[in-house]
N, C-alpha and C. Protein backbone atom coordinates (compact mmCIF):
# COMPACT_ATOMS: atom_id res chain seq x y z
N MET A 1 15.55 -55.34 117.53
CA MET A 1 14.20 -55.08 118.02
C MET A 1 13.18 -55.48 116.95
N GLN A 2 12.17 -56.18 117.34
CA GLN A 2 11.11 -56.61 116.43
C GLN A 2 10.21 -55.42 116.09
N SER A 3 9.79 -55.33 114.84
CA SER A 3 8.90 -54.25 114.42
C SER A 3 7.57 -54.35 115.15
N ARG A 4 7.08 -53.22 115.56
CA ARG A 4 5.78 -53.19 116.23
C ARG A 4 4.74 -52.52 115.33
N LEU A 5 4.96 -52.65 114.02
CA LEU A 5 4.04 -52.12 113.01
C LEU A 5 3.28 -53.28 112.39
N LYS A 6 1.96 -53.29 112.56
CA LYS A 6 1.12 -54.33 111.96
C LYS A 6 0.63 -53.80 110.60
N ILE A 7 0.65 -54.66 109.62
CA ILE A 7 0.19 -54.30 108.29
C ILE A 7 -1.06 -55.10 107.97
N ILE A 8 -2.12 -54.39 107.59
CA ILE A 8 -3.34 -55.07 107.15
C ILE A 8 -3.70 -54.57 105.75
N ASP A 9 -4.04 -55.50 104.90
CA ASP A 9 -4.38 -55.17 103.51
C ASP A 9 -5.87 -55.46 103.29
N ILE A 10 -6.66 -54.42 103.35
CA ILE A 10 -8.09 -54.58 103.09
C ILE A 10 -8.45 -54.09 101.69
N GLY A 11 -7.47 -53.53 100.99
CA GLY A 11 -7.72 -53.00 99.65
C GLY A 11 -7.66 -54.03 98.55
N HIS A 12 -7.02 -55.15 98.81
CA HIS A 12 -6.87 -56.17 97.78
C HIS A 12 -7.57 -57.46 98.17
N SER A 13 -8.51 -57.36 99.10
CA SER A 13 -9.17 -58.53 99.64
C SER A 13 -10.47 -58.89 98.93
N GLY A 14 -11.00 -57.95 98.17
CA GLY A 14 -12.28 -58.18 97.51
C GLY A 14 -13.47 -57.97 98.43
N TYR A 15 -13.21 -57.43 99.64
CA TYR A 15 -14.28 -57.18 100.60
C TYR A 15 -15.18 -56.03 100.13
N SER A 16 -16.44 -56.10 100.56
CA SER A 16 -17.33 -54.95 100.40
C SER A 16 -16.83 -53.85 101.34
N LEU A 17 -17.31 -52.64 101.16
CA LEU A 17 -16.91 -51.54 102.04
C LEU A 17 -17.22 -51.86 103.50
N ASP A 18 -18.40 -52.36 103.76
CA ASP A 18 -18.79 -52.69 105.14
C ASP A 18 -17.89 -53.75 105.74
N ARG A 19 -17.60 -54.79 104.97
CA ARG A 19 -16.75 -55.87 105.46
C ARG A 19 -15.32 -55.36 105.69
N ALA A 20 -14.82 -54.51 104.80
CA ALA A 20 -13.47 -53.97 104.95
C ALA A 20 -13.36 -53.13 106.22
N ILE A 21 -14.36 -52.32 106.51
CA ILE A 21 -14.34 -51.50 107.71
C ILE A 21 -14.48 -52.38 108.95
N SER A 22 -15.26 -53.45 108.86
CA SER A 22 -15.35 -54.41 109.97
C SER A 22 -14.00 -55.06 110.24
N GLU A 23 -13.28 -55.43 109.20
CA GLU A 23 -11.95 -56.01 109.35
C GLU A 23 -10.99 -55.01 109.98
N LEU A 24 -11.10 -53.76 109.57
CA LEU A 24 -10.27 -52.70 110.15
C LEU A 24 -10.56 -52.56 111.64
N GLU A 25 -11.82 -52.47 111.98
CA GLU A 25 -12.23 -52.34 113.39
C GLU A 25 -11.73 -53.53 114.21
N TYR A 26 -11.89 -54.72 113.68
CA TYR A 26 -11.45 -55.93 114.38
C TYR A 26 -9.95 -55.88 114.65
N ASN A 27 -9.17 -55.56 113.63
CA ASN A 27 -7.71 -55.52 113.78
C ASN A 27 -7.25 -54.41 114.72
N VAL A 28 -7.88 -53.27 114.67
CA VAL A 28 -7.53 -52.18 115.59
C VAL A 28 -7.82 -52.61 117.02
N ASN A 29 -9.00 -53.17 117.26
CA ASN A 29 -9.34 -53.62 118.62
C ASN A 29 -8.37 -54.69 119.12
N LEU A 30 -8.01 -55.62 118.25
CA LEU A 30 -7.06 -56.67 118.60
C LEU A 30 -5.71 -56.07 119.00
N CYS A 31 -5.23 -55.13 118.22
CA CYS A 31 -3.95 -54.49 118.52
C CYS A 31 -4.00 -53.67 119.81
N LEU A 32 -5.11 -52.99 120.03
CA LEU A 32 -5.25 -52.21 121.26
C LEU A 32 -5.32 -53.11 122.49
N GLU A 33 -5.98 -54.26 122.35
CA GLU A 33 -6.12 -55.18 123.48
C GLU A 33 -4.82 -55.90 123.82
N ASN A 34 -4.10 -56.39 122.81
CA ASN A 34 -2.94 -57.21 123.12
C ASN A 34 -1.66 -56.42 123.31
N GLY A 35 -1.59 -55.20 122.81
CA GLY A 35 -0.44 -54.34 123.05
C GLY A 35 0.85 -54.74 122.37
N ASN A 36 0.82 -55.71 121.45
CA ASN A 36 2.04 -56.13 120.76
C ASN A 36 2.47 -55.16 119.67
N PHE A 37 1.55 -54.34 119.19
CA PHE A 37 1.85 -53.41 118.11
C PHE A 37 1.62 -51.98 118.58
N ARG A 38 2.39 -51.05 118.00
CA ARG A 38 2.27 -49.64 118.34
C ARG A 38 1.60 -48.85 117.21
N ALA A 39 1.58 -49.43 116.01
CA ALA A 39 0.96 -48.75 114.88
C ALA A 39 0.44 -49.78 113.89
N ILE A 40 -0.47 -49.32 113.05
CA ILE A 40 -1.07 -50.17 112.03
C ILE A 40 -0.95 -49.45 110.69
N LYS A 41 -0.45 -50.16 109.70
CA LYS A 41 -0.42 -49.66 108.33
C LYS A 41 -1.60 -50.31 107.61
N ILE A 42 -2.52 -49.48 107.16
CA ILE A 42 -3.70 -49.97 106.46
C ILE A 42 -3.48 -49.76 104.96
N ILE A 43 -3.50 -50.85 104.23
CA ILE A 43 -3.41 -50.76 102.77
C ILE A 43 -4.84 -50.80 102.24
N HIS A 44 -5.31 -49.68 101.75
CA HIS A 44 -6.68 -49.62 101.22
C HIS A 44 -6.67 -49.50 99.71
N GLY A 45 -5.51 -49.31 99.11
CA GLY A 45 -5.39 -49.24 97.67
C GLY A 45 -5.88 -47.93 97.09
N HIS A 46 -5.69 -47.80 95.79
CA HIS A 46 -6.14 -46.60 95.07
C HIS A 46 -7.57 -46.80 94.59
N GLY A 47 -7.76 -47.74 93.69
CA GLY A 47 -9.10 -48.05 93.17
C GLY A 47 -9.90 -46.81 92.83
N THR A 48 -11.16 -46.83 93.22
CA THR A 48 -12.03 -45.69 92.96
C THR A 48 -11.87 -44.60 94.01
N GLY A 49 -11.20 -44.94 95.10
CA GLY A 49 -11.03 -43.99 96.20
C GLY A 49 -12.09 -44.14 97.28
N ALA A 50 -13.10 -44.98 97.03
CA ALA A 50 -14.20 -45.14 97.99
C ALA A 50 -13.71 -45.76 99.30
N LEU A 51 -12.86 -46.78 99.22
CA LEU A 51 -12.37 -47.43 100.43
C LEU A 51 -11.44 -46.49 101.21
N ARG A 52 -10.57 -45.77 100.50
CA ARG A 52 -9.71 -44.79 101.18
C ARG A 52 -10.55 -43.78 101.94
N LYS A 53 -11.59 -43.28 101.30
CA LYS A 53 -12.48 -42.30 101.93
C LYS A 53 -13.14 -42.88 103.18
N GLU A 54 -13.65 -44.12 103.07
CA GLU A 54 -14.29 -44.77 104.22
C GLU A 54 -13.31 -45.01 105.37
N VAL A 55 -12.10 -45.49 105.02
CA VAL A 55 -11.09 -45.76 106.05
C VAL A 55 -10.73 -44.47 106.77
N ARG A 56 -10.50 -43.42 106.02
CA ARG A 56 -10.09 -42.15 106.64
C ARG A 56 -11.21 -41.51 107.43
N GLU A 57 -12.44 -41.65 106.97
CA GLU A 57 -13.57 -41.15 107.76
C GLU A 57 -13.68 -41.94 109.06
N TRP A 58 -13.51 -43.26 108.99
CA TRP A 58 -13.56 -44.11 110.18
C TRP A 58 -12.44 -43.70 111.15
N CYS A 59 -11.25 -43.52 110.64
CA CYS A 59 -10.12 -43.12 111.47
C CYS A 59 -10.38 -41.77 112.14
N ASN A 60 -10.87 -40.82 111.39
CA ASN A 60 -11.14 -39.49 111.95
C ASN A 60 -12.25 -39.54 112.99
N TYR A 61 -13.25 -40.36 112.76
CA TYR A 61 -14.34 -40.52 113.72
C TYR A 61 -13.82 -41.12 115.03
N ASN A 62 -12.84 -42.01 114.92
CA ASN A 62 -12.28 -42.71 116.09
C ASN A 62 -10.95 -42.11 116.57
N GLU A 63 -10.60 -40.92 116.11
CA GLU A 63 -9.27 -40.37 116.37
C GLU A 63 -8.92 -40.27 117.85
N GLY A 64 -9.89 -40.15 118.73
CA GLY A 64 -9.63 -40.08 120.16
C GLY A 64 -9.02 -41.36 120.73
N ARG A 65 -9.15 -42.45 119.99
CA ARG A 65 -8.58 -43.74 120.41
C ARG A 65 -7.10 -43.87 120.05
N PHE A 66 -6.60 -42.94 119.23
CA PHE A 66 -5.27 -43.06 118.66
C PHE A 66 -4.37 -41.90 119.06
N GLN A 67 -3.07 -42.17 119.01
CA GLN A 67 -2.08 -41.12 119.21
C GLN A 67 -2.11 -40.17 118.01
N SER A 68 -2.19 -40.76 116.82
CA SER A 68 -2.20 -39.95 115.60
C SER A 68 -2.65 -40.81 114.42
N ILE A 69 -3.07 -40.13 113.37
CA ILE A 69 -3.40 -40.76 112.09
C ILE A 69 -2.49 -40.08 111.07
N VAL A 70 -1.79 -40.88 110.29
CA VAL A 70 -0.88 -40.33 109.29
C VAL A 70 -1.29 -40.86 107.92
N TYR A 71 -1.64 -39.96 107.04
CA TYR A 71 -1.99 -40.35 105.67
C TYR A 71 -0.71 -40.69 104.92
N GLY A 72 -0.78 -41.66 104.03
CA GLY A 72 0.38 -42.10 103.28
C GLY A 72 1.09 -40.98 102.54
N GLU A 73 0.34 -40.02 102.05
CA GLU A 73 0.95 -38.91 101.31
C GLU A 73 1.73 -37.96 102.22
N ASP A 74 1.54 -38.07 103.53
CA ASP A 74 2.27 -37.25 104.51
C ASP A 74 3.38 -38.03 105.21
N TYR A 75 3.48 -39.32 104.94
CA TYR A 75 4.38 -40.22 105.65
C TYR A 75 5.81 -40.07 105.14
N ASP A 76 6.60 -39.24 105.82
CA ASP A 76 8.00 -39.07 105.45
C ASP A 76 8.80 -38.57 106.65
N LEU A 77 10.10 -38.44 106.45
CA LEU A 77 10.99 -38.06 107.54
C LEU A 77 10.89 -36.58 107.92
N PHE A 78 10.06 -35.82 107.22
CA PHE A 78 9.85 -34.41 107.54
C PHE A 78 8.56 -34.19 108.32
N ASP A 79 7.82 -35.28 108.56
CA ASP A 79 6.57 -35.21 109.31
C ASP A 79 6.83 -35.70 110.73
N LYS A 80 6.59 -34.84 111.71
CA LYS A 80 6.89 -35.16 113.12
C LYS A 80 6.20 -36.44 113.58
N ASN A 81 4.90 -36.58 113.30
CA ASN A 81 4.18 -37.78 113.73
C ASN A 81 4.73 -39.04 113.06
N SER A 82 5.10 -38.94 111.79
CA SER A 82 5.68 -40.11 111.10
C SER A 82 6.98 -40.54 111.78
N VAL A 83 7.85 -39.59 112.06
CA VAL A 83 9.14 -39.89 112.68
C VAL A 83 8.95 -40.51 114.06
N GLU A 84 8.09 -39.91 114.88
CA GLU A 84 7.86 -40.42 116.23
C GLU A 84 7.18 -41.77 116.23
N MET A 85 6.23 -41.96 115.32
CA MET A 85 5.54 -43.25 115.22
C MET A 85 6.53 -44.33 114.80
N ARG A 86 7.38 -44.05 113.82
CA ARG A 86 8.37 -45.02 113.37
C ARG A 86 9.32 -45.40 114.50
N ALA A 87 9.76 -44.40 115.26
CA ALA A 87 10.67 -44.68 116.39
C ALA A 87 9.97 -45.56 117.42
N ASP A 88 8.70 -45.29 117.68
CA ASP A 88 7.91 -46.06 118.64
C ASP A 88 7.74 -47.51 118.18
N CYS A 89 7.80 -47.72 116.87
CA CYS A 89 7.63 -49.07 116.29
C CYS A 89 8.96 -49.77 116.06
N GLY A 90 10.06 -49.17 116.46
CA GLY A 90 11.36 -49.78 116.23
C GLY A 90 11.93 -49.45 114.86
N SER A 91 11.46 -48.36 114.25
CA SER A 91 11.93 -47.88 112.94
C SER A 91 11.97 -48.98 111.89
N PRO A 92 10.82 -49.60 111.63
CA PRO A 92 10.79 -50.71 110.66
C PRO A 92 11.06 -50.22 109.23
N TYR A 93 11.60 -51.11 108.40
CA TYR A 93 11.72 -50.81 106.98
C TYR A 93 10.30 -50.68 106.42
N ASP A 94 10.09 -49.65 105.62
CA ASP A 94 8.78 -49.46 105.00
C ASP A 94 9.01 -48.79 103.65
N ASN A 95 8.72 -49.52 102.57
CA ASN A 95 8.96 -48.97 101.24
C ASN A 95 8.04 -47.82 100.88
N ASP A 96 7.05 -47.49 101.71
CA ASP A 96 6.18 -46.36 101.44
C ASP A 96 6.69 -45.06 102.07
N LEU A 97 7.74 -45.13 102.87
CA LEU A 97 8.28 -43.94 103.51
C LEU A 97 8.77 -42.97 102.44
N GLY A 98 8.22 -41.77 102.47
CA GLY A 98 8.62 -40.72 101.54
C GLY A 98 8.08 -40.86 100.13
N MET A 99 7.20 -41.81 99.90
CA MET A 99 6.70 -42.06 98.55
C MET A 99 5.38 -41.34 98.22
N LYS A 100 4.82 -40.63 99.19
CA LYS A 100 3.56 -39.89 98.97
C LYS A 100 2.45 -40.82 98.49
N ASN A 101 2.37 -42.01 99.09
CA ASN A 101 1.45 -43.06 98.66
C ASN A 101 0.08 -42.88 99.31
N SER A 102 -0.88 -42.41 98.55
CA SER A 102 -2.23 -42.19 99.08
C SER A 102 -3.03 -43.49 99.21
N ALA A 103 -2.42 -44.62 98.87
CA ALA A 103 -3.10 -45.92 98.97
C ALA A 103 -2.95 -46.54 100.35
N VAL A 104 -2.29 -45.84 101.29
CA VAL A 104 -2.11 -46.34 102.65
C VAL A 104 -2.44 -45.25 103.67
N THR A 105 -2.81 -45.70 104.85
CA THR A 105 -3.05 -44.82 105.99
C THR A 105 -2.47 -45.52 107.21
N TYR A 106 -1.86 -44.74 108.10
CA TYR A 106 -1.23 -45.29 109.31
C TYR A 106 -2.00 -44.81 110.54
N ILE A 107 -2.17 -45.72 111.49
CA ILE A 107 -2.75 -45.37 112.78
C ILE A 107 -1.66 -45.61 113.83
N TRP A 108 -1.33 -44.58 114.56
CA TRP A 108 -0.38 -44.70 115.68
C TRP A 108 -1.22 -44.89 116.92
N LEU A 109 -1.08 -46.05 117.55
CA LEU A 109 -1.92 -46.41 118.68
C LEU A 109 -1.45 -45.73 119.97
N ARG A 110 -2.33 -45.61 120.93
CA ARG A 110 -1.97 -45.05 122.25
C ARG A 110 -1.30 -46.10 123.09
C-alpha cells in the first residue's frame, strides 16, 4: 500500500511567516481537493519557535476542517489519534514516531 502521508517542509525554505502559512494553506487545500492523501506532516523546524506557533495557531483556527491535529511531541504509539492516523495512511515509516519532535505537526484530514 502506498503511503497517504504528504510531507511539506516550510521550516527550511527561507519563507517569511506569511509565505510559509500561504504554502501550508495551499498544500492543505490541494490535499483536501484531490483526496490522494489522508494526512500531512508539516516540518516547521525549531528555530525561534515563531513558525511553529503560527502553524499551530493556523491549525487550531482551522481544526473543524480536520479529523485531528497531532503535535510532534505527542506523536507516538500511545496516542490514539497518532495510531489511527497512521493506520489511515497505510502505516508509513516515519523517523519522528515516538521522538517527541516539536519541530513537526501532523494534520489528519477528513
